[in-house]
């Protein structure tokens, strides 16, 4: 697997070099890449999975967003955010992916 920011580098597959954005996970070769990504994930991701509908969408700075248990979640719609807010434990884990 390749570093998400630097595909020419091999990512380290452990919890100290990964970042979750909603249901999507990203791996990095080092802490510097991880820190850079976490500071502005929307600068780097092209698509994310809506945690409620599991639909892939292009997130924008105006996309509905929340943080649950320290993890940022972006949504394709305000309706998805409302559903997530009502039942966050039901949608904060990957199912059937």
PDB file of N, CA and C in Angstrom:
ATOM      1  N   UNK A   1       0.839  -1.169   0.000  1.00  0.00           N
ATOM      2  CA  UNK A   1       0.000   0.000   0.000  1.00  0.00           C
ATOM      3  C   UNK A   1       0.892   1.243   0.000  1.00  0.00           C
ATOM      4  N   UNK A   2       0.451   2.262  -0.693  1.00  0.00           N
ATOM      5  CA  UNK A   2       1.224   3.488  -0.845  1.00  0.00           C
ATOM      6  C   UNK A   2       0.755   4.587   0.099  1.00  0.00           C
ATOM      7  N   UNK A   3       1.697   5.447   0.466  1.00  0.00           N
ATOM      8  CA  UNK A   3       1.395   6.637   1.261  1.00  0.00           C
ATOM      9  C   UNK A   3       0.368   7.472   0.494  1.00  0.00           C
ATOM     10  N   UNK A   4      -0.694   7.908   1.156  1.00  0.00           N
ATOM     11  CA  UNK A   4      -1.763   8.635   0.487  1.00  0.00           C
ATOM     12  C   UNK A   4      -1.275   9.954  -0.117  1.00  0.00           C
ATOM     13  N   UNK A   5      -0.391  10.661   0.559  1.00  0.00           N
ATOM     14  CA  UNK A   5       0.110  11.941   0.043  1.00  0.00           C
ATOM     15  C   UNK A   5       1.291  11.784  -0.903  1.00  0.00           C
ATOM     16  N   UNK A   6       2.082  10.753  -0.689  1.00  0.00           N
ATOM     17  CA  UNK A   6       3.295  10.527  -1.488  1.00  0.00           C
ATOM     18  C   UNK A   6       3.280   9.095  -2.024  1.00  0.00           C
ATOM     19  N   UNK A   7       2.576   8.857  -3.137  1.00  0.00           N
ATOM     20  CA  UNK A   7       2.422   7.492  -3.652  1.00  0.00           C
ATOM     21  C   UNK A   7       3.738   6.786  -3.991  1.00  0.00           C
ATOM     22  N   UNK A   8       4.806   7.524  -4.129  1.00  0.00           N
ATOM     23  CA  UNK A   8       6.098   6.892  -4.416  1.00  0.00           C
ATOM     24  C   UNK A   8       6.684   6.236  -3.162  1.00  0.00           C
ATOM     25  N   UNK A   9       6.079   6.494  -2.006  1.00  0.00           N
ATOM     26  CA  UNK A   9       6.558   5.941  -0.742  1.00  0.00           C
ATOM     27  C   UNK A   9       5.604   4.847  -0.252  1.00  0.00           C
ATOM     28  N   UNK A  10       6.149   3.893   0.461  1.00  0.00           N
ATOM     29  CA  UNK A  10       5.355   2.794   1.010  1.00  0.00           C
ATOM     30  C   UNK A  10       4.766   3.235   2.354  1.00  0.00           C
ATOM     31  N   UNK A  11       3.478   3.023   2.515  1.00  0.00           N
ATOM     32  CA  UNK A  11       2.809   3.371   3.772  1.00  0.00           C
ATOM     33  C   UNK A  11       3.110   2.330   4.839  1.00  0.00           C
ATOM     34  N   UNK A  12       3.066   2.777   6.078  1.00  0.00           N
ATOM     35  CA  UNK A  12       3.221   1.888   7.222  1.00  0.00           C
ATOM     36  C   UNK A  12       1.816   1.504   7.669  1.00  0.00           C
ATOM     37  N   UNK A  13       1.548   0.211   7.721  1.00  0.00           N
ATOM     38  CA  UNK A  13       0.207  -0.254   8.045  1.00  0.00           C
ATOM     39  C   UNK A  13       0.054  -0.507   9.543  1.00  0.00           C
ATOM     40  N   UNK A  14       0.043   0.575  10.300  1.00  0.00           N
ATOM     41  CA  UNK A  14      -0.270   0.467  11.719  1.00  0.00           C
ATOM     42  C   UNK A  14      -1.031   1.708  12.165  1.00  0.00           C
ATOM     43  N   UNK A  15      -1.597   1.629  13.344  1.00  0.00           N
ATOM     44  CA  UNK A  15      -2.497   2.682  13.809  1.00  0.00           C
ATOM     45  C   UNK A  15      -1.813   4.020  14.032  1.00  0.00           C
ATOM     46  N   UNK A  16      -0.500   4.042  14.163  1.00  0.00           N
ATOM     47  CA  UNK A  16       0.199   5.314  14.379  1.00  0.00           C
ATOM     48  C   UNK A  16       0.425   6.089  13.090  1.00  0.00           C
ATOM     49  N   UNK A  17       0.131   5.469  11.953  1.00  0.00           N
ATOM     50  CA  UNK A  17       0.345   6.128  10.651  1.00  0.00           C
ATOM     51  C   UNK A  17      -0.920   6.118   9.810  1.00  0.00           C
ATOM     52  N   UNK A  18      -2.074   6.120  10.453  1.00  0.00           N
ATOM     53  CA  UNK A  18      -3.323   6.128   9.702  1.00  0.00           C
ATOM     54  C   UNK A  18      -4.238   7.237  10.212  1.00  0.00           C
ATOM     55  N   UNK A  19      -5.125   7.649   9.319  1.00  0.00           N
ATOM     56  CA  UNK A  19      -6.142   8.644   9.668  1.00  0.00           C
ATOM     57  C   UNK A  19      -7.478   8.178   9.131  1.00  0.00           C
ATOM     58  N   UNK A  20      -8.491   8.346   9.938  1.00  0.00           N
ATOM     59  CA  UNK A  20      -9.855   8.051   9.522  1.00  0.00           C
ATOM     60  C   UNK A  20     -10.560   9.367   9.238  1.00  0.00           C
ATOM     61  N   UNK A  21     -11.297   9.413   8.160  1.00  0.00           N
ATOM     62  CA  UNK A  21     -12.218  10.509   7.868  1.00  0.00           C
ATOM     63  C   UNK A  21     -13.540   9.809   7.598  1.00  0.00           C
ATOM     64  N   UNK A  22     -14.422   9.863   8.588  1.00  0.00           N
ATOM     65  CA  UNK A  22     -15.655   9.101   8.483  1.00  0.00           C
ATOM     66  C   UNK A  22     -15.342   7.627   8.396  1.00  0.00           C
ATOM     67  N   UNK A  23     -15.852   6.974   7.365  1.00  0.00           N
ATOM     68  CA  UNK A  23     -15.645   5.535   7.168  1.00  0.00           C
ATOM     69  C   UNK A  23     -14.409   5.212   6.343  1.00  0.00           C
ATOM     70  N   UNK A  24     -13.735   6.230   5.843  1.00  0.00           N
ATOM     71  CA  UNK A  24     -12.581   6.028   4.963  1.00  0.00           C
ATOM     72  C   UNK A  24     -11.280   6.113   5.754  1.00  0.00           C
ATOM     73  N   UNK A  25     -10.366   5.207   5.454  1.00  0.00           N
ATOM     74  CA  UNK A  25      -9.088   5.160   6.155  1.00  0.00           C
ATOM     75  C   UNK A  25      -7.958   5.462   5.170  1.00  0.00           C
ATOM     76  N   UNK A  26      -6.952   6.181   5.670  1.00  0.00           N
ATOM     77  CA  UNK A  26      -5.816   6.617   4.862  1.00  0.00           C
ATOM     78  C   UNK A  26      -4.540   6.270   5.629  1.00  0.00           C
ATOM     79  N   UNK A  27      -3.554   5.723   4.916  1.00  0.00           N
ATOM     80  CA  UNK A  27      -2.291   5.335   5.534  1.00  0.00           C
ATOM     81  C   UNK A  27      -1.148   6.184   4.989  1.00  0.00           C
ATOM     82  N   UNK A  28      -0.120   6.348   5.837  1.00  0.00           N
ATOM     83  CA  UNK A  28       0.997   7.229   5.507  1.00  0.00           C
ATOM     84  C   UNK A  28       2.320   6.576   5.864  1.00  0.00           C
ATOM     85  N   UNK A  29       3.369   7.050   5.241  1.00  0.00           N
ATOM     86  CA  UNK A  29       4.710   6.509   5.470  1.00  0.00           C
ATOM     87  C   UNK A  29       5.324   7.031   6.766  1.00  0.00           C
ATOM     88  N   UNK A  30       4.910   8.234   7.183  1.00  0.00           N
ATOM     89  CA  UNK A  30       5.511   8.819   8.379  1.00  0.00           C
ATOM     90  C   UNK A  30       4.550   9.793   9.065  1.00  0.00           C
ATOM     91  N   UNK A  31       4.939  10.240  10.244  1.00  0.00           N
ATOM     92  CA  UNK A  31       4.112  11.163  11.038  1.00  0.00           C
ATOM     93  C   UNK A  31       3.930  12.497  10.333  1.00  0.00           C
ATOM     94  N   UNK A  32       4.933  12.956   9.604  1.00  0.00           N
ATOM     95  CA  UNK A  32       4.836  14.250   8.924  1.00  0.00           C
ATOM     96  C   UNK A  32       3.695  14.245   7.900  1.00  0.00           C
ATOM     97  N   UNK A  33       3.594  13.191   7.110  1.00  0.00           N
ATOM     98  CA  UNK A  33       2.507  13.088   6.134  1.00  0.00           C
ATOM     99  C   UNK A  33       1.156  13.007   6.837  1.00  0.00           C
ATOM    100  N   UNK A  34       1.084  12.216   7.895  1.00  0.00           N
ATOM    101  CA  UNK A  34      -0.148  12.070   8.658  1.00  0.00           C
ATOM    102  C   UNK A  34      -0.592  13.414   9.237  1.00  0.00           C
ATOM    103  N   UNK A  35       0.328  14.140   9.832  1.00  0.00           N
ATOM    104  CA  UNK A  35       0.020  15.442  10.429  1.00  0.00           C
ATOM    105  C   UNK A  35      -0.457  16.434   9.376  1.00  0.00           C
ATOM    106  N   UNK A  36       0.205  16.444   8.252  1.00  0.00           N
ATOM    107  CA  UNK A  36      -0.178  17.344   7.146  1.00  0.00           C
ATOM    108  C   UNK A  36      -1.592  17.029   6.660  1.00  0.00           C
ATOM    109  N   UNK A  37      -1.899  15.757   6.493  1.00  0.00           N
ATOM    110  CA  UNK A  37      -3.222  15.336   6.052  1.00  0.00           C
ATOM    111  C   UNK A  37      -4.289  15.729   7.070  1.00  0.00           C
ATOM    112  N   UNK A  38      -4.046  15.423   8.342  1.00  0.00           N
ATOM    113  CA  UNK A  38      -5.039  15.720   9.383  1.00  0.00           C
ATOM    114  C   UNK A  38      -5.343  17.210   9.492  1.00  0.00           C
ATOM    115  N   UNK A  39      -4.389  18.053   9.179  1.00  0.00           N
ATOM    116  CA  UNK A  39      -4.593  19.504   9.266  1.00  0.00           C
ATOM    117  C   UNK A  39      -5.603  20.002   8.238  1.00  0.00           C
ATOM    118  N   UNK A  40      -5.696  19.337   7.092  1.00  0.00           N
ATOM    119  CA  UNK A  40      -6.601  19.785   6.023  1.00  0.00           C
ATOM    120  C   UNK A  40      -6.984  18.622   5.115  1.00  0.00           C
ATOM    121  N   UNK A  41      -7.757  17.653   5.618  1.00  0.00           N
ATOM    122  CA  UNK A  41      -8.052  16.462   4.802  1.00  0.00           C
ATOM    123  C   UNK A  41      -8.774  16.767   3.491  1.00  0.00           C
ATOM    124  N   UNK A  42      -9.619  17.789   3.470  1.00  0.00           N
ATOM    125  CA  UNK A  42     -10.353  18.080   2.230  1.00  0.00           C
ATOM    126  C   UNK A  42      -9.451  18.611   1.126  1.00  0.00           C
ATOM    127  N   UNK A  43      -8.282  19.044   1.472  1.00  0.00           N
ATOM    128  CA  UNK A  43      -7.313  19.475   0.469  1.00  0.00           C
ATOM    129  C   UNK A  43      -6.822  18.282  -0.355  1.00  0.00           C
ATOM    130  N   UNK A  44      -6.872  17.086   0.239  1.00  0.00           N
ATOM    131  CA  UNK A  44      -6.263  15.914  -0.389  1.00  0.00           C
ATOM    132  C   UNK A  44      -7.244  14.858  -0.898  1.00  0.00           C
ATOM    133  N   UNK A  45      -8.384  14.710  -0.256  1.00  0.00           N
ATOM    134  CA  UNK A  45      -9.305  13.650  -0.687  1.00  0.00           C
ATOM    135  C   UNK A  45     -10.148  14.110  -1.868  1.00  0.00           C
ATOM    136  N   UNK A  46     -10.410  13.191  -2.770  1.00  0.00           N
ATOM    137  CA  UNK A  46     -11.283  13.495  -3.911  1.00  0.00           C
ATOM    138  C   UNK A  46     -12.712  13.089  -3.600  1.00  0.00           C
ATOM    139  N   UNK A  47     -12.857  11.926  -2.989  1.00  0.00           N
ATOM    140  CA  UNK A  47     -14.186  11.425  -2.631  1.00  0.00           C
ATOM    141  C   UNK A  47     -14.134  10.775  -1.261  1.00  0.00           C
ATOM    142  N   UNK A  48     -15.270  10.860  -0.574  1.00  0.00           N
ATOM    143  CA  UNK A  48     -15.460  10.188   0.710  1.00  0.00           C
ATOM    144  C   UNK A  48     -16.760   9.409   0.663  1.00  0.00           C
ATOM    145  N   UNK A  49     -16.950   8.552   1.643  1.00  0.00           N
ATOM    146  CA  UNK A  49     -18.200   7.795   1.769  1.00  0.00           C
ATOM    147  C   UNK A  49     -19.097   8.496   2.774  1.00  0.00           C
ATOM    148  N   UNK A  50     -20.338   8.778   2.367  1.00  0.00           N
ATOM    149  CA  UNK A  50     -21.316   9.307   3.311  1.00  0.00           C
ATOM    150  C   UNK A  50     -21.598   8.184   4.306  1.00  0.00           C
ATOM    151  N   UNK A  51     -21.447   8.423   5.611  1.00  0.00           N
ATOM    152  CA  UNK A  51     -21.616   7.337   6.575  1.00  0.00           C
ATOM    153  C   UNK A  51     -23.036   6.779   6.679  1.00  0.00           C
ATOM    154  N   UNK A  52     -24.022   7.518   6.254  1.00  0.00           N
ATOM    155  CA  UNK A  52     -25.404   7.057   6.335  1.00  0.00           C
ATOM    156  C   UNK A  52     -25.793   6.290   5.077  1.00  0.00           C
ATOM    157  N   UNK A  53     -25.575   6.886   3.913  1.00  0.00           N
ATOM    158  CA  UNK A  53     -25.998   6.260   2.655  1.00  0.00           C
ATOM    159  C   UNK A  53     -24.910   5.396   2.030  1.00  0.00           C
ATOM    160  N   UNK A  54     -23.671   5.565   2.484  1.00  0.00           N
ATOM    161  CA  UNK A  54     -22.469   4.929   1.931  1.00  0.00           C
ATOM    162  C   UNK A  54     -22.191   5.368   0.493  1.00  0.00           C
ATOM    163  N   UNK A  55     -22.889   6.376   0.031  1.00  0.00           N
ATOM    164  CA  UNK A  55     -22.651   6.923  -1.304  1.00  0.00           C
ATOM    165  C   UNK A  55     -21.314   7.667  -1.307  1.00  0.00           C
ATOM    166  N   UNK A  56     -20.573   7.536  -2.396  1.00  0.00           N
ATOM    167  CA  UNK A  56     -19.317   8.264  -2.566  1.00  0.00           C
ATOM    168  C   UNK A  56     -19.661   9.659  -3.092  1.00  0.00           C
ATOM    169  N   UNK A  57     -19.036  10.672  -2.522  1.00  0.00           N
ATOM    170  CA  UNK A  57     -19.310  12.042  -2.938  1.00  0.00           C
ATOM    171  C   UNK A  57     -18.049  12.883  -2.817  1.00  0.00           C
ATOM    172  N   UNK A  58     -18.049  14.013  -3.512  1.00  0.00           N
ATOM    173  CA  UNK A  58     -16.932  14.962  -3.434  1.00  0.00           C
ATOM    174  C   UNK A  58     -17.181  15.943  -2.293  1.00  0.00           C
ATOM    175  N   UNK A  59     -16.425  15.842  -1.222  1.00  0.00           N
ATOM    176  CA  UNK A  59     -16.642  16.761  -0.108  1.00  0.00           C
ATOM    177  C   UNK A  59     -16.098  18.156  -0.436  1.00  0.00           C
ATOM    178  N   UNK A  60     -16.760  19.145   0.122  1.00  0.00           N
ATOM    179  CA  UNK A  60     -16.346  20.544  -0.030  1.00  0.00           C
ATOM    180  C   UNK A  60     -16.246  21.153   1.363  1.00  0.00           C
ATOM    181  N   UNK A  61     -15.661  22.312   1.452  1.00  0.00           N
ATOM    182  CA  UNK A  61     -15.578  22.972   2.758  1.00  0.00           C
ATOM    183  C   UNK A  61     -16.965  23.294   3.295  1.00  0.00           C
ATOM    184  N   UNK A  62     -17.966  23.370   2.412  1.00  0.00           N
ATOM    185  CA  UNK A  62     -19.338  23.656   2.831  1.00  0.00           C
ATOM    186  C   UNK A  62     -20.156  22.384   3.100  1.00  0.00           C
ATOM    187  N   UNK A  63     -19.563  21.219   2.913  1.00  0.00           N
ATOM    188  CA  UNK A  63     -20.277  19.960   3.173  1.00  0.00           C
ATOM    189  C   UNK A  63     -20.633  19.863   4.653  1.00  0.00           C
ATOM    190  N   UNK A  64     -21.808  19.316   4.959  1.00  0.00           N
ATOM    191  CA  UNK A  64     -22.153  19.098   6.370  1.00  0.00           C
ATOM    192  C   UNK A  64     -21.086  18.226   7.029  1.00  0.00           C
ATOM    193  N   UNK A  65     -20.753  18.561   8.277  1.00  0.00           N
ATOM    194  CA  UNK A  65     -19.659  17.878   8.968  1.00  0.00           C
ATOM    195  C   UNK A  65     -19.967  17.792  10.456  1.00  0.00           C
ATOM    196  N   UNK A  66     -19.463  16.745  11.089  1.00  0.00           N
ATOM    197  CA  UNK A  66     -19.489  16.625  12.543  1.00  0.00           C
ATOM    198  C   UNK A  66     -18.248  15.857  12.973  1.00  0.00           C
ATOM    199  N   UNK A  67     -18.001  15.862  14.252  1.00  0.00           N
ATOM    200  CA  UNK A  67     -16.923  15.057  14.832  1.00  0.00           C
ATOM    201  C   UNK A  67     -17.575  14.147  15.862  1.00  0.00           C
ATOM    202  N   UNK A  68     -17.287  12.864  15.767  1.00  0.00           N
ATOM    203  CA  UNK A  68     -17.833  11.882  16.693  1.00  0.00           C
ATOM    204  C   UNK A  68     -16.689  11.013  17.181  1.00  0.00           C
ATOM    205  N   UNK A  69     -16.514  10.965  18.495  1.00  0.00           N
ATOM    206  CA  UNK A  69     -15.428  10.199  19.126  1.00  0.00           C
ATOM    207  C   UNK A  69     -14.079  10.569  18.520  1.00  0.00           C
ATOM    208  N   UNK A  70     -13.882  11.859  18.274  1.00  0.00           N
ATOM    209  CA  UNK A  70     -12.606  12.362  17.777  1.00  0.00           C
ATOM    210  C   UNK A  70     -12.375  12.214  16.290  1.00  0.00           C
ATOM    211  N   UNK A  71     -13.314  11.634  15.567  1.00  0.00           N
ATOM    212  CA  UNK A  71     -13.151  11.409  14.126  1.00  0.00           C
ATOM    213  C   UNK A  71     -14.057  12.346  13.345  1.00  0.00           C
ATOM    214  N   UNK A  72     -13.511  13.029  12.327  1.00  0.00           N
ATOM    215  CA  UNK A  72     -14.365  13.892  11.500  1.00  0.00           C
ATOM    216  C   UNK A  72     -15.208  13.055  10.538  1.00  0.00           C
ATOM    217  N   UNK A  73     -16.450  13.470  10.350  1.00  0.00           N
ATOM    218  CA  UNK A  73     -17.368  12.841   9.404  1.00  0.00           C
ATOM    219  C   UNK A  73     -17.936  13.929   8.501  1.00  0.00           C
ATOM    220  N   UNK A  74     -17.906  13.683   7.194  1.00  0.00           N
ATOM    221  CA  UNK A  74     -18.499  14.582   6.209  1.00  0.00           C
ATOM    222  C   UNK A  74     -19.689  13.867   5.580  1.00  0.00           C
ATOM    223  N   UNK A  75     -20.690  14.660   5.160  1.00  0.00           N
ATOM    224  CA  UNK A  75     -21.926  14.091   4.643  1.00  0.00           C
ATOM    225  C   UNK A  75     -22.280  14.684   3.288  1.00  0.00           C
ATOM    226  N   UNK A  76     -22.936  13.875   2.483  1.00  0.00           N
ATOM    227  CA  UNK A  76     -23.375  14.325   1.160  1.00  0.00           C
ATOM    228  C   UNK A  76     -24.559  15.274   1.267  1.00  0.00           C
ATOM    229  N   UNK A  77     -25.295  15.207   2.392  1.00  0.00           N
ATOM    230  CA  UNK A  77     -26.474  16.064   2.556  1.00  0.00           C
ATOM    231  C   UNK A  77     -26.716  16.360   4.033  1.00  0.00           C
ATOM    232  N   UNK A  78     -27.496  17.392   4.285  1.00  0.00           N
ATOM    233  CA  UNK A  78     -27.892  17.725   5.662  1.00  0.00           C
ATOM    234  C   UNK A  78     -28.794  16.631   6.245  1.00  0.00           C
ATOM    235  N   UNK A  79     -29.586  15.988   5.392  1.00  0.00           N
ATOM    236  CA  UNK A  79     -30.443  14.893   5.850  1.00  0.00           C
ATOM    237  C   UNK A  79     -29.589  13.754   6.416  1.00  0.00           C
ATOM    238  N   UNK A  80     -28.488  13.437   5.757  1.00  0.00           N
ATOM    239  CA  UNK A  80     -27.589  12.391   6.262  1.00  0.00           C
ATOM    240  C   UNK A  80     -26.990  12.801   7.604  1.00  0.00           C
ATOM    241  N   UNK A  81     -26.596  14.046   7.727  1.00  0.00           N
ATOM    242  CA  UNK A  81     -26.054  14.533   8.997  1.00  0.00           C
ATOM    243  C   UNK A  81     -27.092  14.402  10.111  1.00  0.00           C
ATOM    244  N   UNK A  82     -28.337  14.772   9.846  1.00  0.00           N
ATOM    245  CA  UNK A  82     -29.402  14.662  10.860  1.00  0.00           C
ATOM    246  C   UNK A  82     -29.613  13.200  11.278  1.00  0.00           C
ATOM    247  N   UNK A  83     -29.617  12.292  10.312  1.00  0.00           N
ATOM    248  CA  UNK A  83     -29.790  10.867  10.621  1.00  0.00           C
ATOM    249  C   UNK A  83     -28.622  10.372  11.461  1.00  0.00           C
ATOM    250  N   UNK A  84     -27.416  10.733  11.067  1.00  0.00           N
ATOM    251  CA  UNK A  84     -26.221  10.347  11.817  1.00  0.00           C
ATOM    252  C   UNK A  84     -26.294  10.886  13.245  1.00  0.00           C
ATOM    253  N   UNK A  85     -26.667  12.144  13.396  1.00  0.00           N
ATOM    254  CA  UNK A  85     -26.737  12.772  14.721  1.00  0.00           C
ATOM    255  C   UNK A  85     -27.727  12.058  15.634  1.00  0.00           C
ATOM    256  N   UNK A  86     -28.799  11.529  15.062  1.00  0.00           N
ATOM    257  CA  UNK A  86     -29.800  10.816  15.848  1.00  0.00           C
ATOM    258  C   UNK A  86     -29.310   9.436  16.299  1.00  0.00           C
ATOM    259  N   UNK A  87     -28.476   8.785  15.482  1.00  0.00           N
ATOM    260  CA  UNK A  87     -28.011   7.417  15.757  1.00  0.00           C
ATOM    261  C   UNK A  87     -26.531   7.260  15.421  1.00  0.00           C
ATOM    262  N   UNK A  88     -25.651   8.028  16.037  1.00  0.00           N
ATOM    263  CA  UNK A  88     -24.245   8.001  15.611  1.00  0.00           C
ATOM    264  C   UNK A  88     -23.564   6.640  15.736  1.00  0.00           C
ATOM    265  N   UNK A  89     -23.875   5.890  16.772  1.00  0.00           N
ATOM    266  CA  UNK A  89     -23.231   4.575  16.929  1.00  0.00           C
ATOM    267  C   UNK A  89     -23.615   3.608  15.815  1.00  0.00           C
ATOM    268  N   UNK A  90     -24.781   3.803  15.225  1.00  0.00           N
ATOM    269  CA  UNK A  90     -25.219   2.925  14.137  1.00  0.00           C
ATOM    270  C   UNK A  90     -24.467   3.183  12.829  1.00  0.00           C
ATOM    271  N   UNK A  91     -23.959   4.392  12.656  1.00  0.00           N
ATOM    272  CA  UNK A  91     -23.340   4.762  11.384  1.00  0.00           C
ATOM    273  C   UNK A  91     -21.839   5.036  11.482  1.00  0.00           C
ATOM    274  N   UNK A  92     -21.253   4.909  12.651  1.00  0.00           N
ATOM    275  CA  UNK A  92     -19.839   5.242  12.811  1.00  0.00           C
ATOM    276  C   UNK A  92     -18.898   4.075  12.550  1.00  0.00           C
ATOM    277  N   UNK A  93     -19.449   2.929  12.161  1.00  0.00           N
ATOM    278  CA  UNK A  93     -18.631   1.749  11.851  1.00  0.00           C
ATOM    279  C   UNK A  93     -18.920   1.297  10.430  1.00  0.00           C
ATOM    280  N   UNK A  94     -17.894   0.742   9.804  1.00  0.00           N
ATOM    281  CA  UNK A  94     -18.049   0.215   8.451  1.00  0.00           C
ATOM    282  C   UNK A  94     -18.858  -1.079   8.486  1.00  0.00           C
ATOM    283  N   UNK A  95     -19.839  -1.178   7.618  1.00  0.00           N
ATOM    284  CA  UNK A  95     -20.657  -2.386   7.504  1.00  0.00           C
ATOM    285  C   UNK A  95     -20.695  -2.833   6.049  1.00  0.00           C
ATOM    286  N   UNK A  96     -20.344  -4.074   5.816  1.00  0.00           N
ATOM    287  CA  UNK A  96     -20.457  -4.647   4.484  1.00  0.00           C
ATOM    288  C   UNK A  96     -19.600  -3.970   3.435  1.00  0.00           C
ATOM    289  N   UNK A  97     -18.517  -3.355   3.845  1.00  0.00           N
ATOM    290  CA  UNK A  97     -17.650  -2.680   2.868  1.00  0.00           C
ATOM    291  C   UNK A  97     -16.380  -3.467   2.690  1.00  0.00           C
TER     292      UNK A  97
END
